[in-house]
């Protein structure tokens, strides 16, 4: 039977120096201390970690610090949300630990992506943004976006996709 991730998933705070820079030394010390205290996973750069208030470069640096310090001892989830999709995509590319392709992506992605793999929003949404919003969202979903919350059993992550399939990543 599959189980959901349980335990302490820490919304990790980001620590700053008086001049506003990230305190790398204290971030590393706290990361080790949280693990020693029994944390089962980290959620880095969410609102508690001040991610939305930081520059993309600062967010990348904090993600690197925590991931490097964790050393695969527990999972690390990095929040990449932003007010604009381009920043979120950039942060997602930086934070990617693994990639996958759904069946929907294999079937439909070529029509909606550029040669470098970035989404081609012009082809998806067309010239009439509001009129094409509904059809554009449906086109983006046809490439197999993740639909369900992930479930973890042993070392395998299971999730549902909008292309109708269940995927497992180990």
C-alpha atoms as a PDB file:
ATOM      1  CA  UNK A   1       0.000   0.000   0.000  1.00  0.00           C
ATOM      2  CA  UNK A   2       1.284   3.481  -0.890  1.00  0.00           C
ATOM      3  CA  UNK A   3       1.695   5.971   1.930  1.00  0.00           C
ATOM      4  CA  UNK A   4       1.806   9.723   1.811  1.00  0.00           C
ATOM      5  CA  UNK A   5       4.937  11.446   3.027  1.00  0.00           C
ATOM      6  CA  UNK A   6       4.641  11.739   6.770  1.00  0.00           C
ATOM      7  CA  UNK A   7       6.741  13.322   9.431  1.00  0.00           C
ATOM      8  CA  UNK A   8       8.228  16.727   9.920  1.00  0.00           C
ATOM      9  CA  UNK A   9       8.535  18.703   6.685  1.00  0.00           C
ATOM     10  CA  UNK A  10      10.171  21.912   7.814  1.00  0.00           C
ATOM     11  CA  UNK A  11       9.269  25.184   6.095  1.00  0.00           C
ATOM     12  CA  UNK A  12      12.862  26.275   6.415  1.00  0.00           C
ATOM     13  CA  UNK A  13      13.568  29.888   7.383  1.00  0.00           C
ATOM     14  CA  UNK A  14      16.154  31.870   5.459  1.00  0.00           C
ATOM     15  CA  UNK A  15      18.685  33.631   7.677  1.00  0.00           C
ATOM     16  CA  UNK A  16      20.093  37.043   6.715  1.00  0.00           C
ATOM     17  CA  UNK A  17      23.027  39.142   7.847  1.00  0.00           C
ATOM     18  CA  UNK A  18      22.469  42.729   9.011  1.00  0.00           C
ATOM     19  CA  UNK A  19      23.330  44.037   5.534  1.00  0.00           C
ATOM     20  CA  UNK A  20      20.586  41.926   3.910  1.00  0.00           C
ATOM     21  CA  UNK A  21      22.794  39.201   2.436  1.00  0.00           C
ATOM     22  CA  UNK A  22      22.031  35.544   3.138  1.00  0.00           C
ATOM     23  CA  UNK A  23      23.976  34.208   6.127  1.00  0.00           C
ATOM     24  CA  UNK A  24      25.448  31.111   4.465  1.00  0.00           C
ATOM     25  CA  UNK A  25      27.342  29.930   7.545  1.00  0.00           C
ATOM     26  CA  UNK A  26      24.271  30.026   9.789  1.00  0.00           C
ATOM     27  CA  UNK A  27      22.075  28.502   7.053  1.00  0.00           C
ATOM     28  CA  UNK A  28      24.438  25.503   6.909  1.00  0.00           C
ATOM     29  CA  UNK A  29      24.569  25.196  10.709  1.00  0.00           C
ATOM     30  CA  UNK A  30      20.772  25.380  11.012  1.00  0.00           C
ATOM     31  CA  UNK A  31      20.292  22.801   8.258  1.00  0.00           C
ATOM     32  CA  UNK A  32      22.467  20.317  10.147  1.00  0.00           C
ATOM     33  CA  UNK A  33      20.770  21.189  13.438  1.00  0.00           C
ATOM     34  CA  UNK A  34      17.275  20.645  11.986  1.00  0.00           C
ATOM     35  CA  UNK A  35      18.333  17.230  10.645  1.00  0.00           C
ATOM     36  CA  UNK A  36      19.888  16.334  14.006  1.00  0.00           C
ATOM     37  CA  UNK A  37      16.556  17.301  15.637  1.00  0.00           C
ATOM     38  CA  UNK A  38      14.697  14.795  13.428  1.00  0.00           C
ATOM     39  CA  UNK A  39      13.341  16.765  10.466  1.00  0.00           C
ATOM     40  CA  UNK A  40      12.202  14.366   7.711  1.00  0.00           C
ATOM     41  CA  UNK A  41      12.311  16.874   4.806  1.00  0.00           C
ATOM     42  CA  UNK A  42      12.802  20.574   4.029  1.00  0.00           C
ATOM     43  CA  UNK A  43      10.528  22.991   2.177  1.00  0.00           C
ATOM     44  CA  UNK A  44      12.864  25.813   1.154  1.00  0.00           C
ATOM     45  CA  UNK A  45      12.062  29.352  -0.031  1.00  0.00           C
ATOM     46  CA  UNK A  46       8.343  29.384   0.555  1.00  0.00           C
ATOM     47  CA  UNK A  47       6.782  32.403   2.234  1.00  0.00           C
ATOM     48  CA  UNK A  48       8.317  31.446   5.607  1.00  0.00           C
ATOM     49  CA  UNK A  49      11.707  31.226   3.912  1.00  0.00           C
ATOM     50  CA  UNK A  50      11.218  34.663   2.305  1.00  0.00           C
ATOM     51  CA  UNK A  51      11.566  33.239  -1.234  1.00  0.00           C
ATOM     52  CA  UNK A  52       8.980  35.527  -2.850  1.00  0.00           C
ATOM     53  CA  UNK A  53      10.759  38.579  -1.378  1.00  0.00           C
ATOM     54  CA  UNK A  54      14.185  37.601  -2.710  1.00  0.00           C
ATOM     55  CA  UNK A  55      15.830  38.055  -6.104  1.00  0.00           C
ATOM     56  CA  UNK A  56      16.092  34.972  -8.329  1.00  0.00           C
ATOM     57  CA  UNK A  57      19.867  34.861  -7.785  1.00  0.00           C
ATOM     58  CA  UNK A  58      19.418  34.971  -4.008  1.00  0.00           C
ATOM     59  CA  UNK A  59      16.845  32.168  -4.222  1.00  0.00           C
ATOM     60  CA  UNK A  60      19.206  30.034  -6.297  1.00  0.00           C
ATOM     61  CA  UNK A  61      21.989  30.598  -3.776  1.00  0.00           C
ATOM     62  CA  UNK A  62      19.805  29.578  -0.809  1.00  0.00           C
ATOM     63  CA  UNK A  63      18.626  26.464  -2.655  1.00  0.00           C
ATOM     64  CA  UNK A  64      22.232  25.506  -3.383  1.00  0.00           C
ATOM     65  CA  UNK A  65      23.265  26.047   0.240  1.00  0.00           C
ATOM     66  CA  UNK A  66      20.513  23.850   1.674  1.00  0.00           C
ATOM     67  CA  UNK A  67      20.748  21.096  -0.952  1.00  0.00           C
ATOM     68  CA  UNK A  68      24.532  20.915  -0.595  1.00  0.00           C
ATOM     69  CA  UNK A  69      24.345  20.855   3.190  1.00  0.00           C
ATOM     70  CA  UNK A  70      21.603  18.209   3.323  1.00  0.00           C
ATOM     71  CA  UNK A  71      23.843  15.822   1.345  1.00  0.00           C
ATOM     72  CA  UNK A  72      20.933  13.529   0.406  1.00  0.00           C
ATOM     73  CA  UNK A  73      20.129  12.805   4.061  1.00  0.00           C
ATOM     74  CA  UNK A  74      16.506  13.964   3.692  1.00  0.00           C
ATOM     75  CA  UNK A  75      14.424  15.271   0.764  1.00  0.00           C
ATOM     76  CA  UNK A  76      14.501  18.974  -0.112  1.00  0.00           C
ATOM     77  CA  UNK A  77      11.583  20.637  -1.907  1.00  0.00           C
ATOM     78  CA  UNK A  78      12.413  24.060  -3.363  1.00  0.00           C
ATOM     79  CA  UNK A  79       9.589  26.555  -3.909  1.00  0.00           C
ATOM     80  CA  UNK A  80       9.935  28.123  -7.365  1.00  0.00           C
ATOM     81  CA  UNK A  81       6.677  30.084  -7.529  1.00  0.00           C
ATOM     82  CA  UNK A  82       6.911  33.665  -8.775  1.00  0.00           C
ATOM     83  CA  UNK A  83       4.572  36.394 -10.018  1.00  0.00           C
ATOM     84  CA  UNK A  84       5.748  35.869 -13.581  1.00  0.00           C
ATOM     85  CA  UNK A  85       6.093  32.523 -15.358  1.00  0.00           C
ATOM     86  CA  UNK A  86       9.552  33.294 -16.754  1.00  0.00           C
ATOM     87  CA  UNK A  87      11.117  33.607 -13.295  1.00  0.00           C
ATOM     88  CA  UNK A  88       9.387  30.412 -12.133  1.00  0.00           C
ATOM     89  CA  UNK A  89      10.654  28.563 -15.219  1.00  0.00           C
ATOM     90  CA  UNK A  90      14.190  29.857 -14.640  1.00  0.00           C
ATOM     91  CA  UNK A  91      14.108  28.841 -10.976  1.00  0.00           C
ATOM     92  CA  UNK A  92      12.672  25.458 -11.906  1.00  0.00           C
ATOM     93  CA  UNK A  93      15.483  24.781 -14.340  1.00  0.00           C
ATOM     94  CA  UNK A  94      18.012  25.661 -11.659  1.00  0.00           C
ATOM     95  CA  UNK A  95      16.367  23.487  -9.020  1.00  0.00           C
ATOM     96  CA  UNK A  96      15.742  20.468 -11.207  1.00  0.00           C
ATOM     97  CA  UNK A  97      17.202  17.306  -9.732  1.00  0.00           C
ATOM     98  CA  UNK A  98      15.641  15.028 -12.352  1.00  0.00           C
ATOM     99  CA  UNK A  99      13.424  15.340 -15.386  1.00  0.00           C
ATOM    100  CA  UNK A 100      10.786  13.159 -16.960  1.00  0.00           C
ATOM    101  CA  UNK A 101       8.417  13.155 -19.925  1.00  0.00           C
ATOM    102  CA  UNK A 102       4.798  12.122 -19.713  1.00  0.00           C
ATOM    103  CA  UNK A 103       3.126  10.358 -22.626  1.00  0.00           C
ATOM    104  CA  UNK A 104       1.207  13.588 -23.280  1.00  0.00           C
ATOM    105  CA  UNK A 105       4.459  15.528 -23.443  1.00  0.00           C
ATOM    106  CA  UNK A 106       5.920  13.022 -25.883  1.00  0.00           C
ATOM    107  CA  UNK A 107       2.811  13.311 -28.117  1.00  0.00           C
ATOM    108  CA  UNK A 108       2.082  17.039 -27.934  1.00  0.00           C
ATOM    109  CA  UNK A 109       5.073  18.985 -26.658  1.00  0.00           C
ATOM    110  CA  UNK A 110       6.698  19.569 -30.050  1.00  0.00           C
ATOM    111  CA  UNK A 111       3.748  21.718 -31.132  1.00  0.00           C
ATOM    112  CA  UNK A 112       3.961  23.948 -28.058  1.00  0.00           C
ATOM    113  CA  UNK A 113       7.660  24.221 -27.279  1.00  0.00           C
ATOM    114  CA  UNK A 114      10.651  25.960 -28.772  1.00  0.00           C
ATOM    115  CA  UNK A 115      13.746  24.080 -29.920  1.00  0.00           C
ATOM    116  CA  UNK A 116      15.443  24.727 -26.558  1.00  0.00           C
ATOM    117  CA  UNK A 117      12.508  23.120 -24.684  1.00  0.00           C
ATOM    118  CA  UNK A 118      10.971  26.334 -23.328  1.00  0.00           C
ATOM    119  CA  UNK A 119       7.198  26.750 -23.718  1.00  0.00           C
ATOM    120  CA  UNK A 120       6.179  28.693 -26.836  1.00  0.00           C
ATOM    121  CA  UNK A 121       3.456  30.840 -25.329  1.00  0.00           C
ATOM    122  CA  UNK A 122       2.816  32.554 -28.668  1.00  0.00           C
ATOM    123  CA  UNK A 123       1.763  29.253 -30.260  1.00  0.00           C
ATOM    124  CA  UNK A 124      -0.209  28.249 -27.197  1.00  0.00           C
ATOM    125  CA  UNK A 125      -2.141  31.447 -26.522  1.00  0.00           C
ATOM    126  CA  UNK A 126      -2.215  33.126 -29.932  1.00  0.00           C
ATOM    127  CA  UNK A 127      -2.859  36.812 -30.561  1.00  0.00           C
ATOM    128  CA  UNK A 128      -6.072  37.205 -28.600  1.00  0.00           C
ATOM    129  CA  UNK A 129      -4.904  36.473 -25.083  1.00  0.00           C
ATOM    130  CA  UNK A 130      -8.274  36.472 -23.301  1.00  0.00           C
ATOM    131  CA  UNK A 131     -10.120  34.662 -26.096  1.00  0.00           C
ATOM    132  CA  UNK A 132      -7.385  32.057 -26.341  1.00  0.00           C
ATOM    133  CA  UNK A 133      -6.893  31.627 -22.579  1.00  0.00           C
ATOM    134  CA  UNK A 134      -9.184  28.606 -22.258  1.00  0.00           C
ATOM    135  CA  UNK A 135      -7.859  26.835 -25.339  1.00  0.00           C
ATOM    136  CA  UNK A 136      -4.289  27.722 -24.331  1.00  0.00           C
ATOM    137  CA  UNK A 137      -4.681  26.186 -20.886  1.00  0.00           C
ATOM    138  CA  UNK A 138      -6.107  23.035 -22.473  1.00  0.00           C
ATOM    139  CA  UNK A 139      -3.138  22.909 -24.876  1.00  0.00           C
ATOM    140  CA  UNK A 140      -0.668  23.225 -22.003  1.00  0.00           C
ATOM    141  CA  UNK A 141      -2.472  20.491 -20.055  1.00  0.00           C
ATOM    142  CA  UNK A 142      -2.266  18.221 -23.107  1.00  0.00           C
ATOM    143  CA  UNK A 143       1.500  17.974 -22.615  1.00  0.00           C
ATOM    144  CA  UNK A 144       0.913  16.026 -19.411  1.00  0.00           C
ATOM    145  CA  UNK A 145       1.087  18.406 -16.466  1.00  0.00           C
ATOM    146  CA  UNK A 146       1.180  16.873 -12.988  1.00  0.00           C
ATOM    147  CA  UNK A 147      -2.391  16.603 -11.727  1.00  0.00           C
ATOM    148  CA  UNK A 148      -2.178  14.971  -8.313  1.00  0.00           C
ATOM    149  CA  UNK A 149      -0.172  15.430  -5.174  1.00  0.00           C
ATOM    150  CA  UNK A 150       2.746  13.019  -5.175  1.00  0.00           C
ATOM    151  CA  UNK A 151       2.701   9.879  -3.076  1.00  0.00           C
ATOM    152  CA  UNK A 152       5.976   8.329  -1.935  1.00  0.00           C
ATOM    153  CA  UNK A 153       6.536   4.667  -1.119  1.00  0.00           C
ATOM    154  CA  UNK A 154      10.041   3.526  -0.300  1.00  0.00           C
ATOM    155  CA  UNK A 155      12.218   5.383  -2.856  1.00  0.00           C
ATOM    156  CA  UNK A 156       9.545   5.838  -5.550  1.00  0.00           C
ATOM    157  CA  UNK A 157       7.456   8.976  -6.214  1.00  0.00           C
ATOM    158  CA  UNK A 158       4.017   8.309  -7.753  1.00  0.00           C
ATOM    159  CA  UNK A 159       1.775  10.994  -9.268  1.00  0.00           C
ATOM    160  CA  UNK A 160      -1.105  11.370 -11.702  1.00  0.00           C
ATOM    161  CA  UNK A 161      -0.866  13.396 -14.897  1.00  0.00           C
ATOM    162  CA  UNK A 162      -3.391  15.300 -16.985  1.00  0.00           C
ATOM    163  CA  UNK A 163      -2.651  12.898 -19.845  1.00  0.00           C
ATOM    164  CA  UNK A 164      -4.528  10.235 -17.848  1.00  0.00           C
ATOM    165  CA  UNK A 165      -1.544   8.187 -16.722  1.00  0.00           C
ATOM    166  CA  UNK A 166       0.071   7.407 -13.379  1.00  0.00           C
ATOM    167  CA  UNK A 167       3.843   7.866 -13.282  1.00  0.00           C
ATOM    168  CA  UNK A 168       6.521   6.499 -10.976  1.00  0.00           C
ATOM    169  CA  UNK A 169       9.962   8.028 -10.586  1.00  0.00           C
ATOM    170  CA  UNK A 170      12.741   6.423  -8.581  1.00  0.00           C
END
